[in-house]
Protein backbone atom coordinates (compact mmCIF):
# COMPACT_ATOMS: atom_id res chain seq x y z
CA MET A 1 -0.15 0.22 0.15
CA ASP A 2 2.77 2.08 -0.51
CA ASP A 3 1.44 4.12 -3.23
CA ALA A 4 -2.57 4.56 -1.37
CA ALA A 5 -3.95 6.69 0.63
CA LEU A 6 -7.19 6.95 2.50
CA THR A 7 -8.54 10.40 2.83
CA SER A 8 -12.32 12.01 4.57
CA PHE A 9 -14.42 14.59 4.38
CA PRO A 10 -16.90 15.21 7.32
CA GLY A 11 -19.87 15.45 5.35
CA GLU A 12 -22.02 14.23 2.00
CA VAL A 13 -19.57 15.73 -0.62
CA PHE A 14 -20.49 15.44 -3.99
CA VAL A 15 -19.15 12.99 -6.58
CA GLU A 16 -17.69 15.88 -8.53
CA LEU A 17 -14.95 16.29 -5.81
CA GLY A 18 -14.28 13.28 -4.57
CA LEU A 19 -12.90 12.78 -8.14
CA GLU A 20 -11.28 15.89 -8.30
CA VAL A 21 -9.45 14.55 -5.34
CA LYS A 22 -8.61 11.55 -6.80
CA ARG A 23 -7.44 12.69 -10.06
CA ARG A 24 -5.12 15.26 -8.56
CA SER A 25 -3.46 13.03 -6.10
CA PRO A 26 -0.27 12.17 -5.80
CA PHE A 27 -0.86 8.69 -4.87
CA ARG A 28 -1.63 5.99 -7.72
CA LYS A 29 -4.75 5.00 -5.48
CA THR A 30 -7.07 7.69 -3.41
CA LEU A 31 -10.26 6.15 -1.32
CA VAL A 32 -12.24 9.08 -0.65
CA VAL A 33 -14.79 8.59 1.97
CA GLY A 34 -17.76 10.45 3.34
CA LEU A 35 -19.87 10.87 5.88
CA ALA A 36 -16.53 10.31 8.64
CA ASN A 37 -14.98 11.85 11.53
CA GLY A 38 -18.15 11.34 14.01
CA ARG A 39 -19.96 14.60 12.66
CA SER A 40 -21.90 15.15 9.51
CA ALA A 41 -20.89 18.63 8.29
CA GLY A 42 -23.85 18.60 5.81
CA TYR A 43 -23.76 18.30 2.55
CA LEU A 44 -20.78 19.73 -0.05
CA PRO A 45 -22.14 20.78 -2.94
CA THR A 46 -19.94 21.64 -6.37
CA ARG A 47 -19.66 25.58 -7.23
CA GLU A 48 -21.95 24.67 -10.43
CA THR A 49 -24.48 23.12 -8.44
CA TYR A 50 -25.33 25.72 -6.38
CA TYR A 51 -27.05 27.48 -8.32
CA GLU A 52 -29.51 25.01 -8.94
CA GLY A 53 -31.61 25.10 -6.25
CA ASP A 54 -32.08 21.28 -5.72
CA TYR A 55 -31.89 20.20 -1.99
CA GLU A 56 -28.85 19.15 -0.84
CA VAL A 57 -28.12 23.11 -1.72
CA VAL A 58 -30.12 24.28 -0.09
CA ALA A 59 -30.05 22.16 3.10
CA ALA A 60 -26.15 22.85 2.66
CA LYS A 61 -23.90 24.98 5.70
CA TYR A 62 -21.18 26.77 3.95
CA SER A 63 -20.79 29.11 0.88
CA GLU A 64 -20.64 27.93 -3.07
CA GLU A 65 -16.93 27.61 -2.52
CA ALA A 66 -16.28 25.57 0.78
CA GLY A 67 -16.44 22.22 -1.32
CA GLU A 68 -13.38 23.91 -3.72
CA VAL A 69 -11.71 25.33 -0.84
CA LEU A 70 -11.82 21.52 1.64
CA VAL A 71 -10.69 19.23 -2.10
CA GLU A 72 -7.54 21.64 -2.14
CA GLU A 73 -6.66 21.51 1.39
CA THR A 74 -6.75 17.62 1.08
CA LEU A 75 -4.80 18.39 -2.19
CA GLU A 76 -2.10 19.92 0.39
CA GLN A 77 -2.00 17.37 3.39
CA LEU A 78 -1.57 14.52 0.33
CA GLU A 79 1.24 16.29 -1.50
CA ARG A 80 3.03 16.50 2.40
CA LEU A 81 2.17 12.36 3.28
CA ALA A 82 3.51 11.89 -0.27
CA ARG A 83 6.72 13.69 0.33
CA GLU A 84 7.72 13.15 4.21
CA GLY A 85 5.89 8.85 4.31
């Protein structure tokens, strides 16, 4: 499992955000887990879906850029893990 990573999100992250983490991860295999860490942060939609007004977006607790911020922070942590092991 030297070339694999496991990461998690504290809410229901839209699949596009999880796929972005997997696509840009420095690891060959990256598993993305949602609804982790004991408490749900609610829905984490993409910026694009924010303007569609679906239930998940209306129920979201955070601003439209929250999903992107979480993806970038996750990728920074994965990069550091890949460098420092």
